[in-house]
Amino acid sequence: MVRRFSAKDGRRVVLRTLRWEDLDDCIDLINSLVAEGADIDKSERVSREEEIEWLAGALSRMERGEKVYIVVEVDGRVVGNSEIGRRLGGYDKHVGSIGIAIKKGFRDVGIGTEMMNALIKRGRVMGLKVLTLTAFANNERAIHVYGKLGFEKTGRIPKKFFKRGKYIDEVIMTLFLA
């Protein structure tokens, strides 16, 4: 377990590492984000088999020390997922990448900020010096949270995403830990 806290709306929240028993909740989480049209890389529902493959890979990457996956649990259900991983190349092993997703109905109550703080802390424990993340340029809520935590906009990929008939830039944000 990583941390317990109360969200701004009073709900009890647990941040902890991902485990095999989270499979059904992970399927529900990703497919609810797809159905919502959330700003994530996936645009189509995920099958049980696909999620089993992803989860097995994620647990294997954790076991090898390549990545850490932290989930948000509320009322015994996983409602958010995040990851931090070290780059596996040569000259950029000091750089980590972060990803985060939270189910609708659990946003804007401090859960994302707590999850990001846990990832940043984990990055320091891992000895990382630089953390990067990306966001859809129109996801002002996420960009605001990342900025509050010290991430700076350091790049942009024009027209990276094509969603609902419109091109959307990808914003690259960076936090220097050293």
Protein backbone atom coordinates (compact mmCIF):
# COMPACT_ATOMS: atom_id res chain seq x y z
CA MET A 1 0.00 0.00 0.00
CA VAL A 2 1.21 3.48 -0.82
CA ARG A 3 -1.11 5.87 1.04
CA ARG A 4 -4.60 6.41 2.54
CA PHE A 5 -6.32 9.80 2.57
CA SER A 6 -9.71 11.50 2.36
CA ALA A 7 -10.72 13.15 -0.91
CA LYS A 8 -12.11 16.69 -0.77
CA ASP A 9 -15.62 15.22 -0.95
CA GLY A 10 -14.97 13.02 2.11
CA ARG A 11 -14.56 9.68 0.32
CA ARG A 12 -11.82 7.44 1.70
CA VAL A 13 -9.12 6.78 -0.88
CA VAL A 14 -6.32 4.23 -1.01
CA LEU A 15 -3.34 4.58 -3.31
CA ARG A 16 -1.59 1.23 -3.75
CA THR A 17 0.29 -0.84 -6.26
CA LEU A 18 -1.51 -2.74 -8.97
CA ARG A 19 -2.29 -6.44 -8.41
CA TRP A 20 -3.81 -9.31 -10.38
CA GLU A 21 -7.12 -9.09 -8.50
CA ASP A 22 -7.68 -5.65 -10.10
CA LEU A 23 -8.40 -7.16 -13.53
CA ASP A 24 -12.18 -6.61 -13.61
CA ASP A 25 -11.90 -3.10 -12.19
CA CYS A 26 -9.17 -2.27 -14.72
CA ILE A 27 -11.42 -3.45 -17.58
CA ASP A 28 -14.25 -1.31 -16.22
CA LEU A 29 -11.93 1.71 -15.78
CA ILE A 30 -10.43 1.67 -19.28
CA ASN A 31 -13.75 0.99 -20.98
CA SER A 32 -15.50 3.74 -19.00
CA LEU A 33 -12.79 6.17 -20.15
CA VAL A 34 -13.23 5.04 -23.76
CA ALA A 35 -17.04 5.39 -23.52
CA GLU A 36 -16.64 8.87 -22.05
CA GLY A 37 -14.30 9.91 -24.85
CA ALA A 38 -11.69 10.84 -22.25
CA ASP A 39 -8.34 12.22 -23.35
CA ILE A 40 -6.46 8.92 -23.45
CA ASP A 41 -4.64 7.09 -26.23
CA LYS A 42 -7.34 4.40 -26.54
CA SER A 43 -10.39 5.03 -28.67
CA GLU A 44 -11.94 1.56 -28.68
CA ARG A 45 -13.19 -0.70 -25.91
CA VAL A 46 -10.74 -3.24 -24.53
CA SER A 47 -11.62 -6.94 -24.40
CA ARG A 48 -11.02 -9.10 -21.35
CA GLU A 49 -8.24 -10.92 -23.23
CA GLU A 50 -6.51 -7.63 -24.13
CA GLU A 51 -6.68 -6.45 -20.53
CA ILE A 52 -5.35 -9.78 -19.25
CA GLU A 53 -2.39 -9.36 -21.61
CA TRP A 54 -1.83 -5.76 -20.47
CA LEU A 55 -2.11 -6.64 -16.77
CA ALA A 56 0.24 -9.62 -17.07
CA GLY A 57 2.76 -7.38 -18.82
CA ALA A 58 2.36 -4.62 -16.25
CA LEU A 59 2.90 -7.00 -13.33
CA SER A 60 5.93 -8.45 -15.10
CA ARG A 61 7.39 -4.95 -15.68
CA MET A 62 6.87 -4.19 -11.98
CA GLU A 63 8.56 -7.42 -10.96
CA ARG A 64 11.56 -6.54 -13.16
CA GLY A 65 11.71 -3.04 -11.64
CA GLU A 66 11.04 -1.32 -14.96
CA LYS A 67 7.79 0.40 -13.95
CA VAL A 68 5.59 1.02 -10.94
CA TYR A 69 1.80 1.05 -11.33
CA ILE A 70 -0.26 2.81 -8.67
CA VAL A 71 -4.03 2.49 -8.57
CA VAL A 72 -6.70 4.54 -6.81
CA GLU A 73 -9.15 2.49 -4.80
CA VAL A 74 -12.42 3.92 -3.46
CA ASP A 75 -14.99 1.71 -1.73
CA GLY A 76 -12.99 -1.37 -2.71
CA ARG A 77 -13.03 -0.55 -6.45
CA VAL A 78 -10.18 0.69 -8.66
CA VAL A 79 -11.19 4.06 -10.12
CA GLY A 80 -7.81 5.31 -11.32
CA ASN A 81 -4.53 3.99 -12.60
CA SER A 82 -1.09 5.50 -13.05
CA GLU A 83 2.42 4.48 -13.90
CA ILE A 84 5.98 5.65 -13.70
CA GLY A 85 8.76 4.01 -15.62
CA ARG A 86 12.41 4.55 -16.27
CA ARG A 87 13.59 4.91 -19.84
CA LEU A 88 15.40 1.74 -20.80
CA GLY A 89 17.89 3.30 -23.22
CA GLY A 90 21.48 4.15 -22.53
CA TYR A 91 21.98 7.87 -22.08
CA ASP A 92 18.50 8.62 -20.78
CA LYS A 93 18.19 6.20 -17.84
CA HIS A 94 17.78 9.22 -15.55
CA VAL A 95 14.46 10.08 -17.24
CA GLY A 96 11.11 8.70 -16.15
CA SER A 97 7.73 8.82 -17.86
CA ILE A 98 4.42 9.23 -16.06
CA GLY A 99 0.87 8.35 -17.12
CA ILE A 100 -2.36 8.81 -15.17
CA ALA A 101 -6.10 8.18 -15.70
CA ILE A 102 -9.02 8.70 -13.32
CA LYS A 103 -12.62 7.61 -13.80
CA LYS A 104 -15.33 10.23 -14.26
CA GLY A 105 -16.94 11.08 -10.93
CA PHE A 106 -13.61 10.88 -9.08
CA ARG A 107 -11.92 13.94 -10.59
CA ASP A 108 -11.58 17.41 -9.09
CA VAL A 109 -11.48 16.09 -5.50
CA GLY A 110 -7.70 15.96 -5.03
CA ILE A 111 -7.18 12.34 -6.06
CA GLY A 112 -5.13 13.22 -9.16
CA THR A 113 -2.88 15.54 -7.19
CA GLU A 114 -2.25 12.90 -4.52
CA MET A 115 -1.55 10.30 -7.19
CA MET A 116 0.89 12.61 -8.97
CA ASN A 117 2.66 13.37 -5.67
CA ALA A 118 3.03 9.61 -5.07
CA LEU A 119 4.52 9.17 -8.56
CA ILE A 120 6.95 12.05 -8.07
CA LYS A 121 8.03 10.61 -4.72
CA ARG A 122 8.52 7.21 -6.35
CA GLY A 123 10.58 8.85 -9.10
CA ARG A 124 12.92 10.29 -6.49
CA VAL A 125 13.24 6.87 -4.80
CA MET A 126 14.08 5.39 -8.21
CA GLY A 127 16.89 7.95 -8.55
CA LEU A 128 15.31 9.70 -11.53
CA LYS A 129 16.38 13.25 -12.32
CA VAL A 130 13.76 14.18 -14.93
CA LEU A 131 10.08 13.23 -15.20
CA THR A 132 8.07 13.67 -18.38
CA LEU A 133 4.41 13.32 -19.25
CA THR A 134 2.15 14.19 -22.11
CA ALA A 135 -1.36 15.60 -22.28
CA PHE A 136 -3.92 16.46 -24.90
CA ALA A 137 -3.51 20.22 -25.43
CA ASN A 138 -7.23 20.77 -24.77
CA ASN A 139 -7.12 18.95 -21.40
CA GLU A 140 -6.81 22.13 -19.37
CA ARG A 141 -7.72 20.41 -16.09
CA ALA A 142 -4.79 17.98 -16.32
CA ILE A 143 -2.33 20.62 -17.56
CA HIS A 144 -3.33 22.85 -14.64
CA VAL A 145 -2.75 20.06 -12.09
CA TYR A 146 0.62 19.20 -13.61
CA GLY A 147 1.63 22.87 -13.56
CA LYS A 148 0.67 23.18 -9.87
CA LEU A 149 3.04 20.29 -9.17
CA GLY A 150 5.96 22.00 -10.91
CA PHE A 151 5.78 20.49 -14.39
CA GLU A 152 6.61 22.93 -17.18
CA LYS A 153 5.48 22.81 -20.79
CA THR A 154 8.62 21.87 -22.71
CA GLY A 155 7.29 20.77 -26.08
CA ARG A 156 4.37 20.20 -28.37
CA ILE A 157 3.60 17.75 -31.14
CA PRO A 158 1.16 19.45 -33.50
CA LYS A 159 -1.87 17.44 -34.61
CA LYS A 160 -0.77 14.32 -32.70
CA PHE A 161 -4.36 13.19 -32.12
CA PHE A 162 -7.39 13.14 -34.41
CA LYS A 163 -10.48 13.02 -32.22
CA ARG A 164 -14.10 13.74 -33.10
CA GLY A 165 -13.14 15.24 -36.44
CA LYS A 166 -10.50 17.62 -35.07
CA TYR A 167 -6.74 17.54 -34.71
CA ILE A 168 -5.40 18.10 -31.20
CA ASP A 169 -1.81 18.87 -30.26
CA GLU A 170 0.04 16.85 -27.64
CA VAL A 171 1.73 18.90 -24.92
CA ILE A 172 4.95 17.56 -23.38
CA MET A 173 5.60 18.56 -19.77
CA THR A 174 8.73 18.08 -17.70
CA LEU A 175 9.66 18.18 -14.02
CA PHE A 176 13.31 18.38 -12.98
CA LEU A 177 13.96 16.48 -9.75
CA ALA A 178 17.70 17.14 -9.51
